PDB file of all heavy atoms in Angstrom:
ATOM      1  N   VAL A   1      13.770   0.514   4.668  1.00  0.00           N
ATOM      2  CA  VAL A   1      13.088  -0.773   4.708  1.00  0.00           C
ATOM      3  C   VAL A   1      11.555  -0.683   5.258  1.00  0.00           C
ATOM      4  O   VAL A   1      11.305   0.374   5.764  1.00  0.00           O
ATOM      5  CB  VAL A   1      13.812  -1.709   5.681  1.00  0.00           C
ATOM      6  CG1 VAL A   1      15.359  -2.002   5.173  1.00  0.00           C
ATOM      7  CG2 VAL A   1      13.920  -1.163   7.090  1.00  0.00           C
ATOM      8  N   LEU A   2      10.798  -1.555   4.949  1.00  0.00           N
ATOM      9  CA  LEU A   2       9.513  -1.738   5.600  1.00  0.00           C
ATOM     10  C   LEU A   2       9.625  -3.024   6.414  1.00  0.00           C
ATOM     11  O   LEU A   2       9.803  -3.969   6.002  1.00  0.00           O
ATOM     12  CB  LEU A   2       8.361  -1.925   4.477  1.00  0.00           C
ATOM     13  CG  LEU A   2       6.966  -1.688   5.021  1.00  0.00           C
ATOM     14  CD1 LEU A   2       6.735  -0.115   5.155  1.00  0.00           C
ATOM     15  CD2 LEU A   2       5.934  -2.264   4.003  1.00  0.00           C
ATOM     16  N   ALA A   3       9.391  -2.707   7.813  1.00  0.00           N
ATOM     17  CA  ALA A   3       9.664  -3.876   8.744  1.00  0.00           C
ATOM     18  C   ALA A   3       8.586  -3.847   9.688  1.00  0.00           C
ATOM     19  O   ALA A   3       7.788  -2.870   9.966  1.00  0.00           O
ATOM     20  CB  ALA A   3      10.978  -3.548   9.411  1.00  0.00           C
ATOM     21  N   ASN A   4       8.574  -5.054  10.283  1.00  0.00           N
ATOM     22  CA  ASN A   4       7.586  -5.102  11.488  1.00  0.00           C
ATOM     23  C   ASN A   4       8.071  -6.107  12.597  1.00  0.00           C
ATOM     24  O   ASN A   4       9.304  -6.470  12.445  1.00  0.00           O
ATOM     25  CB  ASN A   4       6.220  -5.802  11.016  1.00  0.00           C
ATOM     26  CG  ASN A   4       6.267  -7.058  10.498  1.00  0.00           C
ATOM     27  OD1 ASN A   4       7.337  -7.662  10.230  1.00  0.00           O
ATOM     28  ND2 ASN A   4       5.018  -7.736  10.247  1.00  0.00           N
ATOM     29  N   SER A   5       7.429  -6.326  13.624  1.00  0.00           N
ATOM     30  CA  SER A   5       7.908  -7.233  14.669  1.00  0.00           C
ATOM     31  C   SER A   5       7.975  -8.645  14.137  1.00  0.00           C
ATOM     32  O   SER A   5       7.264  -9.077  13.305  1.00  0.00           O
ATOM     33  CB  SER A   5       6.841  -7.195  15.719  1.00  0.00           C
ATOM     34  OG  SER A   5       7.076  -8.256  16.714  1.00  0.00           O
ATOM     35  N   LYS A   6       8.905  -9.365  14.722  1.00  0.00           N
ATOM     36  CA  LYS A   6       9.140 -10.749  14.328  1.00  0.00           C
ATOM     37  C   LYS A   6       7.867 -11.616  14.817  1.00  0.00           C
ATOM     38  O   LYS A   6       7.600 -12.765  14.174  1.00  0.00           O
ATOM     39  CB  LYS A   6      10.305 -11.340  15.126  1.00  0.00           C
ATOM     40  CG  LYS A   6      11.608 -10.945  14.275  1.00  0.00           C
ATOM     41  CD  LYS A   6      12.849 -11.843  14.606  1.00  0.00           C
ATOM     42  CE  LYS A   6      13.914 -11.649  13.699  1.00  0.00           C
ATOM     43  NZ  LYS A   6      15.022 -12.508  14.041  1.00  0.00           N
ATOM     44  N   ALA A   7       7.024 -11.001  15.557  1.00  0.00           N
ATOM     45  CA  ALA A   7       5.669 -11.710  15.949  1.00  0.00           C
ATOM     46  C   ALA A   7       4.539 -11.485  14.792  1.00  0.00           C
ATOM     47  O   ALA A   7       3.614 -11.900  14.841  1.00  0.00           O
ATOM     48  CB  ALA A   7       5.290 -11.284  17.265  1.00  0.00           C
ATOM     49  N   GLY A   8       4.933 -10.572  13.949  1.00  0.00           N
ATOM     50  CA  GLY A   8       3.991 -10.223  12.829  1.00  0.00           C
ATOM     51  C   GLY A   8       4.106 -10.972  11.631  1.00  0.00           C
ATOM     52  O   GLY A   8       4.932 -11.988  11.471  1.00  0.00           O
ATOM     53  N   THR A   9       3.266 -10.728  10.670  1.00  0.00           N
ATOM     54  CA  THR A   9       3.235 -11.557   9.390  1.00  0.00           C
ATOM     55  C   THR A   9       4.362 -11.175   8.480  1.00  0.00           C
ATOM     56  O   THR A   9       4.658  -9.961   8.352  1.00  0.00           O
ATOM     57  CB  THR A   9       1.752 -11.317   8.668  1.00  0.00           C
ATOM     58  OG1 THR A   9       0.814 -11.643   9.538  1.00  0.00           O
ATOM     59  CG2 THR A   9       1.674 -12.078   7.439  1.00  0.00           C
ATOM     60  N   VAL A  10       4.894 -12.071   7.704  1.00  0.00           N
ATOM     61  CA  VAL A  10       5.800 -11.862   6.782  1.00  0.00           C
ATOM     62  C   VAL A  10       5.215 -11.501   5.387  1.00  0.00           C
ATOM     63  O   VAL A  10       4.189 -12.271   5.029  1.00  0.00           O
ATOM     64  CB  VAL A  10       6.743 -13.191   6.497  1.00  0.00           C
ATOM     65  CG1 VAL A  10       7.787 -12.814   5.426  1.00  0.00           C
ATOM     66  CG2 VAL A  10       7.619 -13.347   7.774  1.00  0.00           C
ATOM     67  N   VAL A  11       5.495 -10.538   4.749  1.00  0.00           N
ATOM     68  CA  VAL A  11       4.863 -10.097   3.502  1.00  0.00           C
ATOM     69  C   VAL A  11       5.913  -9.842   2.482  1.00  0.00           C
ATOM     70  O   VAL A  11       7.097  -9.523   2.775  1.00  0.00           O
ATOM     71  CB  VAL A  11       4.049  -8.741   3.668  1.00  0.00           C
ATOM     72  CG1 VAL A  11       2.726  -9.070   4.497  1.00  0.00           C
ATOM     73  CG2 VAL A  11       4.823  -7.730   4.186  1.00  0.00           C
ATOM     74  N   ASP A  12       5.515  -9.996   1.217  1.00  0.00           N
ATOM     75  CA  ASP A  12       6.399  -9.669   0.015  1.00  0.00           C
ATOM     76  C   ASP A  12       5.771  -8.597  -0.826  1.00  0.00           C
ATOM     77  O   ASP A  12       4.622  -8.923  -1.384  1.00  0.00           O
ATOM     78  CB  ASP A  12       6.644 -10.924  -0.784  1.00  0.00           C
ATOM     79  CG  ASP A  12       7.680 -10.781  -1.928  1.00  0.00           C
ATOM     80  OD1 ASP A  12       7.917  -9.592  -2.176  1.00  0.00           O
ATOM     81  OD2 ASP A  12       8.161 -11.850  -2.461  1.00  0.00           O
ATOM     82  N   LEU A  13       6.154  -7.434  -0.703  1.00  0.00           N
ATOM     83  CA  LEU A  13       5.354  -6.259  -1.329  1.00  0.00           C
ATOM     84  C   LEU A  13       6.097  -5.665  -2.598  1.00  0.00           C
ATOM     85  O   LEU A  13       7.279  -5.991  -2.851  1.00  0.00           O
ATOM     86  CB  LEU A  13       5.504  -5.154  -0.205  1.00  0.00           C
ATOM     87  CG  LEU A  13       4.664  -5.298   1.027  1.00  0.00           C
ATOM     88  CD1 LEU A  13       5.033  -4.295   2.051  1.00  0.00           C
ATOM     89  CD2 LEU A  13       3.153  -5.272   0.782  1.00  0.00           C
ATOM     90  N   THR A  14       5.296  -5.159  -3.395  1.00  0.00           N
ATOM     91  CA  THR A  14       5.778  -4.480  -4.593  1.00  0.00           C
ATOM     92  C   THR A  14       5.652  -2.885  -4.298  1.00  0.00           C
ATOM     93  O   THR A  14       4.944  -2.511  -3.257  1.00  0.00           O
ATOM     94  CB  THR A  14       4.860  -4.777  -5.840  1.00  0.00           C
ATOM     95  OG1 THR A  14       3.592  -4.151  -5.642  1.00  0.00           O
ATOM     96  CG2 THR A  14       4.888  -6.165  -6.079  1.00  0.00           C
ATOM     97  N   LYS A  15       6.361  -2.089  -4.957  1.00  0.00           N
ATOM     98  CA  LYS A  15       6.309  -0.605  -4.816  1.00  0.00           C
ATOM     99  C   LYS A  15       4.930  -0.198  -5.168  1.00  0.00           C
ATOM    100  O   LYS A  15       4.271   0.729  -4.425  1.00  0.00           O
ATOM    101  CB  LYS A  15       7.399   0.049  -5.796  1.00  0.00           C
ATOM    102  CG  LYS A  15       8.723  -0.140  -5.413  1.00  0.00           C
ATOM    103  CD  LYS A  15       9.667   0.690  -6.290  1.00  0.00           C
ATOM    104  CE  LYS A  15      11.154   0.577  -5.946  1.00  0.00           C
ATOM    105  NZ  LYS A  15      11.971   1.283  -6.846  1.00  0.00           N
ATOM    106  N   GLU A  16       4.217  -0.953  -6.113  1.00  0.00           N
ATOM    107  CA  GLU A  16       2.940  -0.457  -6.391  1.00  0.00           C
ATOM    108  C   GLU A  16       2.011  -0.754  -5.261  1.00  0.00           C
ATOM    109  O   GLU A  16       1.055   0.136  -5.054  1.00  0.00           O
ATOM    110  CB  GLU A  16       2.406  -1.208  -7.566  1.00  0.00           C
ATOM    111  CG  GLU A  16       1.017  -0.868  -8.137  1.00  0.00           C
ATOM    112  CD  GLU A  16       0.534  -1.632  -9.323  1.00  0.00           C
ATOM    113  OE1 GLU A  16       1.238  -2.619  -9.691  1.00  0.00           O
ATOM    114  OE2 GLU A  16      -0.575  -1.358  -9.869  1.00  0.00           O
ATOM    115  N   GLN A  17       2.097  -1.768  -4.595  1.00  0.00           N
ATOM    116  CA  GLN A  17       1.170  -2.116  -3.474  1.00  0.00           C
ATOM    117  C   GLN A  17       1.474  -1.088  -2.270  1.00  0.00           C
ATOM    118  O   GLN A  17       0.586  -0.592  -1.640  1.00  0.00           O
ATOM    119  CB  GLN A  17       1.511  -3.516  -2.886  1.00  0.00           C
ATOM    120  CG  GLN A  17       0.968  -4.564  -3.836  1.00  0.00           C
ATOM    121  CD  GLN A  17       1.499  -6.072  -3.506  1.00  0.00           C
ATOM    122  OE1 GLN A  17       2.453  -6.090  -2.763  1.00  0.00           O
ATOM    123  NE2 GLN A  17       0.763  -7.009  -4.050  1.00  0.00           N
ATOM    124  N   ILE A  18       2.795  -0.706  -2.154  1.00  0.00           N
ATOM    125  CA  ILE A  18       3.078   0.148  -1.045  1.00  0.00           C
ATOM    126  C   ILE A  18       2.367   1.616  -1.410  1.00  0.00           C
ATOM    127  O   ILE A  18       1.833   2.187  -0.599  1.00  0.00           O
ATOM    128  CB  ILE A  18       4.721   0.407  -0.807  1.00  0.00           C
ATOM    129  CG1 ILE A  18       5.131  -1.075  -0.345  1.00  0.00           C
ATOM    130  CG2 ILE A  18       4.912   1.407   0.163  1.00  0.00           C
ATOM    131  CD1 ILE A  18       6.721  -0.959  -0.417  1.00  0.00           C
ATOM    132  N   PHE A  19       2.583   1.972  -2.730  1.00  0.00           N
ATOM    133  CA  PHE A  19       1.916   3.232  -3.056  1.00  0.00           C
ATOM    134  C   PHE A  19       0.468   3.219  -2.848  1.00  0.00           C
ATOM    135  O   PHE A  19      -0.186   4.159  -2.208  1.00  0.00           O
ATOM    136  CB  PHE A  19       2.218   3.486  -4.534  1.00  0.00           C
ATOM    137  CG  PHE A  19       1.412   4.594  -5.162  1.00  0.00           C
ATOM    138  CD1 PHE A  19       1.883   5.854  -4.938  1.00  0.00           C
ATOM    139  CD2 PHE A  19       0.207   4.438  -5.847  1.00  0.00           C
ATOM    140  CE1 PHE A  19       1.243   6.992  -5.426  1.00  0.00           C
ATOM    141  CE2 PHE A  19      -0.446   5.520  -6.280  1.00  0.00           C
ATOM    142  CZ  PHE A  19      -0.039   6.736  -6.126  1.00  0.00           C
ATOM    143  N   LYS A  20      -0.298   2.113  -3.169  1.00  0.00           N
ATOM    144  CA  LYS A  20      -1.716   2.090  -3.061  1.00  0.00           C
ATOM    145  C   LYS A  20      -2.067   2.116  -1.543  1.00  0.00           C
ATOM    146  O   LYS A  20      -3.051   2.559  -1.168  1.00  0.00           O
ATOM    147  CB  LYS A  20      -2.309   0.918  -3.661  1.00  0.00           C
ATOM    148  CG  LYS A  20      -2.230   0.807  -5.172  1.00  0.00           C
ATOM    149  CD  LYS A  20      -2.890  -0.383  -5.772  1.00  0.00           C
ATOM    150  CE  LYS A  20      -2.939  -0.304  -7.331  1.00  0.00           C
ATOM    151  NZ  LYS A  20      -3.506  -1.528  -7.949  1.00  0.00           N
ATOM    152  N   ALA A  21      -1.180   1.529  -0.716  1.00  0.00           N
ATOM    153  CA  ALA A  21      -1.555   1.488   0.754  1.00  0.00           C
ATOM    154  C   ALA A  21      -1.234   2.883   1.380  1.00  0.00           C
ATOM    155  O   ALA A  21      -2.054   3.248   2.319  1.00  0.00           O
ATOM    156  CB  ALA A  21      -0.591   0.506   1.387  1.00  0.00           C
ATOM    157  N   LEU A  22      -0.361   3.626   0.836  1.00  0.00           N
ATOM    158  CA  LEU A  22      -0.017   4.832   1.613  1.00  0.00           C
ATOM    159  C   LEU A  22      -0.396   6.198   0.779  1.00  0.00           C
ATOM    160  O   LEU A  22      -0.188   7.185   1.436  1.00  0.00           O
ATOM    161  CB  LEU A  22       1.396   4.879   1.838  1.00  0.00           C
ATOM    162  CG  LEU A  22       1.940   3.674   2.790  1.00  0.00           C
ATOM    163  CD1 LEU A  22       3.247   3.771   3.060  1.00  0.00           C
ATOM    164  CD2 LEU A  22       1.081   3.805   4.222  1.00  0.00           C
ATOM    165  N   ALA A  23      -0.661   6.166  -0.458  1.00  0.00           N
ATOM    166  CA  ALA A  23      -0.972   7.411  -1.189  1.00  0.00           C
ATOM    167  C   ALA A  23      -2.169   8.081  -0.618  1.00  0.00           C
ATOM    168  O   ALA A  23      -3.120   7.450  -0.313  1.00  0.00           O
ATOM    169  CB  ALA A  23      -1.057   7.146  -2.641  1.00  0.00           C
ATOM    170  N   LYS A  24      -2.097   9.431  -0.676  1.00  0.00           N
ATOM    171  CA  LYS A  24      -3.297  10.216  -0.173  1.00  0.00           C
ATOM    172  C   LYS A  24      -4.441   9.968  -1.308  1.00  0.00           C
ATOM    173  O   LYS A  24      -5.683   9.828  -1.038  1.00  0.00           O
ATOM    174  CB  LYS A  24      -3.017  11.676  -0.190  1.00  0.00           C
ATOM    175  CG  LYS A  24      -4.059  12.491   0.390  1.00  0.00           C
ATOM    176  CD  LYS A  24      -3.685  13.911   0.431  1.00  0.00           C
ATOM    177  CE  LYS A  24      -4.760  14.846   1.023  1.00  0.00           C
ATOM    178  NZ  LYS A  24      -4.267  16.281   1.212  1.00  0.00           N
ATOM    179  N   ASN A  25      -4.089   9.964  -2.521  1.00  0.00           N
ATOM    180  CA  ASN A  25      -5.073   9.792  -3.545  1.00  0.00           C
ATOM    181  C   ASN A  25      -4.665   8.540  -4.534  1.00  0.00           C
ATOM    182  O   ASN A  25      -3.429   8.446  -4.748  1.00  0.00           O
ATOM    183  CB  ASN A  25      -5.148  11.061  -4.464  1.00  0.00           C
ATOM    184  CG  ASN A  25      -5.706  12.264  -3.718  1.00  0.00           C
ATOM    185  OD1 ASN A  25      -6.785  12.127  -3.147  1.00  0.00           O
ATOM    186  ND2 ASN A  25      -4.903  13.302  -3.681  1.00  0.00           N
ATOM    187  N   VAL A  26      -5.508   7.781  -4.969  1.00  0.00           N
ATOM    188  CA  VAL A  26      -5.282   6.661  -5.765  1.00  0.00           C
ATOM    189  C   VAL A  26      -6.342   6.524  -6.888  1.00  0.00           C
ATOM    190  O   VAL A  26      -7.256   7.296  -6.834  1.00  0.00           O
ATOM    191  CB  VAL A  26      -5.337   5.332  -5.021  1.00  0.00           C
ATOM    192  CG1 VAL A  26      -4.185   5.226  -4.056  1.00  0.00           C
ATOM    193  CG2 VAL A  26      -6.790   5.000  -4.409  1.00  0.00           C
ATOM    194  N   ALA A  27      -5.973   5.708  -7.908  1.00  0.00           N
ATOM    195  CA  ALA A  27      -6.960   5.519  -9.170  1.00  0.00           C
ATOM    196  C   ALA A  27      -7.758   4.309  -8.810  1.00  0.00           C
ATOM    197  O   ALA A  27      -7.190   3.294  -8.594  1.00  0.00           O
ATOM    198  CB  ALA A  27      -6.141   5.581 -10.319  1.00  0.00           C
ATOM    199  N   VAL A  28      -9.053   4.522  -8.839  1.00  0.00           N
ATOM    200  CA  VAL A  28      -9.950   3.210  -8.786  1.00  0.00           C
ATOM    201  C   VAL A  28     -10.934   3.253  -9.956  1.00  0.00           C
ATOM    202  O   VAL A  28     -11.636   4.415 -10.167  1.00  0.00           O
ATOM    203  CB  VAL A  28     -10.720   3.341  -7.445  1.00  0.00           C
ATOM    204  CG1 VAL A  28     -11.684   2.111  -7.328  1.00  0.00           C
ATOM    205  CG2 VAL A  28      -9.866   3.321  -6.130  1.00  0.00           C
ATOM    206  N   ASP A  29     -10.801   2.301 -10.812  1.00  0.00           N
ATOM    207  CA  ASP A  29     -11.691   2.179 -12.002  1.00  0.00           C
ATOM    208  C   ASP A  29     -11.493   3.528 -12.763  1.00  0.00           C
ATOM    209  O   ASP A  29     -12.380   3.974 -13.446  1.00  0.00           O
ATOM    210  CB  ASP A  29     -13.199   2.083 -11.555  1.00  0.00           C
ATOM    211  CG  ASP A  29     -13.443   0.783 -10.793  1.00  0.00           C
ATOM    212  OD1 ASP A  29     -12.789  -0.152 -11.094  1.00  0.00           O
ATOM    213  OD2 ASP A  29     -14.385   0.812  -9.994  1.00  0.00           O
ATOM    214  N   GLY A  30     -10.156   3.904 -12.862  1.00  0.00           N
ATOM    215  CA  GLY A  30      -9.899   5.071 -13.838  1.00  0.00           C
ATOM    216  C   GLY A  30     -10.051   6.259 -13.191  1.00  0.00           C
ATOM    217  O   GLY A  30      -9.786   7.363 -13.855  1.00  0.00           O
ATOM    218  N   LYS A  31     -10.680   6.577 -11.988  1.00  0.00           N
ATOM    219  CA  LYS A  31     -10.978   7.747 -11.507  1.00  0.00           C
ATOM    220  C   LYS A  31     -10.098   7.954 -10.245  1.00  0.00           C
ATOM    221  O   LYS A  31      -9.804   6.995  -9.399  1.00  0.00           O
ATOM    222  CB  LYS A  31     -12.345   7.806 -10.985  1.00  0.00           C
ATOM    223  CG  LYS A  31     -13.380   7.790 -12.175  1.00  0.00           C
ATOM    224  CD  LYS A  31     -14.830   7.893 -11.613  1.00  0.00           C
ATOM    225  CE  LYS A  31     -15.860   7.913 -12.850  1.00  0.00           C
ATOM    226  NZ  LYS A  31     -17.206   7.933 -12.369  1.00  0.00           N
ATOM    227  N   VAL A  32      -9.646   9.265  -9.963  1.00  0.00           N
ATOM    228  CA  VAL A  32      -8.662   9.534  -8.886  1.00  0.00           C
ATOM    229  C   VAL A  32      -9.626   9.923  -7.690  1.00  0.00           C
ATOM    230  O   VAL A  32     -10.333  10.823  -7.696  1.00  0.00           O
ATOM    231  CB  VAL A  32      -7.738  10.659  -9.263  1.00  0.00           C
ATOM    232  CG1 VAL A  32      -6.927  11.064  -8.095  1.00  0.00           C
ATOM    233  CG2 VAL A  32      -6.820  10.253 -10.424  1.00  0.00           C
ATOM    234  N   VAL A  33      -9.376   9.160  -6.580  1.00  0.00           N
ATOM    235  CA  VAL A  33     -10.224   9.313  -5.386  1.00  0.00           C
ATOM    236  C   VAL A  33      -9.311   9.311  -4.223  1.00  0.00           C
ATOM    237  O   VAL A  33      -8.193   8.879  -4.215  1.00  0.00           O
ATOM    238  CB  VAL A  33     -11.358   8.131  -5.314  1.00  0.00           C
ATOM    239  CG1 VAL A  33     -12.372   8.085  -6.493  1.00  0.00           C
ATOM    240  CG2 VAL A  33     -10.691   6.781  -5.193  1.00  0.00           C
ATOM    241  N   ALA A  34      -9.994   9.812  -3.076  1.00  0.00           N
ATOM    242  CA  ALA A  34      -9.151   9.676  -1.759  1.00  0.00           C
ATOM    243  C   ALA A  34      -9.091   8.223  -1.357  1.00  0.00           C
ATOM    244  O   ALA A  34      -9.980   7.423  -1.676  1.00  0.00           O
ATOM    245  CB  ALA A  34     -10.050  10.323  -0.721  1.00  0.00           C
ATOM    246  N   ASN A  35      -7.798   7.932  -0.991  1.00  0.00           N
ATOM    247  CA  ASN A  35      -7.571   6.441  -0.739  1.00  0.00           C
ATOM    248  C   ASN A  35      -8.547   5.809   0.161  1.00  0.00           C
ATOM    249  O   ASN A  35      -8.858   6.136   1.328  1.00  0.00           O
ATOM    250  CB  ASN A  35      -6.153   6.355   0.050  1.00  0.00           C
ATOM    251  CG  ASN A  35      -5.629   5.048   0.035  1.00  0.00           C
ATOM    252  OD1 ASN A  35      -6.232   3.988   0.054  1.00  0.00           O
ATOM    253  ND2 ASN A  35      -4.204   4.990  -0.129  1.00  0.00           N
ATOM    254  N   PRO A  36      -9.241   4.774  -0.421  1.00  0.00           N
ATOM    255  CA  PRO A  36     -10.403   3.947   0.143  1.00  0.00           C
ATOM    256  C   PRO A  36      -9.822   2.804   0.969  1.00  0.00           C
ATOM    257  O   PRO A  36     -10.658   2.225   1.746  1.00  0.00           O
ATOM    258  CB  PRO A  36     -11.230   3.582  -0.891  1.00  0.00           C
ATOM    259  CG  PRO A  36     -10.342   3.425  -2.051  1.00  0.00           C
ATOM    260  CD  PRO A  36      -9.176   4.334  -1.846  1.00  0.00           C
TER     261      PRO A  36
END
């Protein structure tokens, strides 16, 4: 699970969003770069 404190915000995430948030490298405009 991805969880937080009940005092925090409720979110509805996709696997793609989690990947983009946590991957070391991601694709931006077709180019692979360090996660910005």
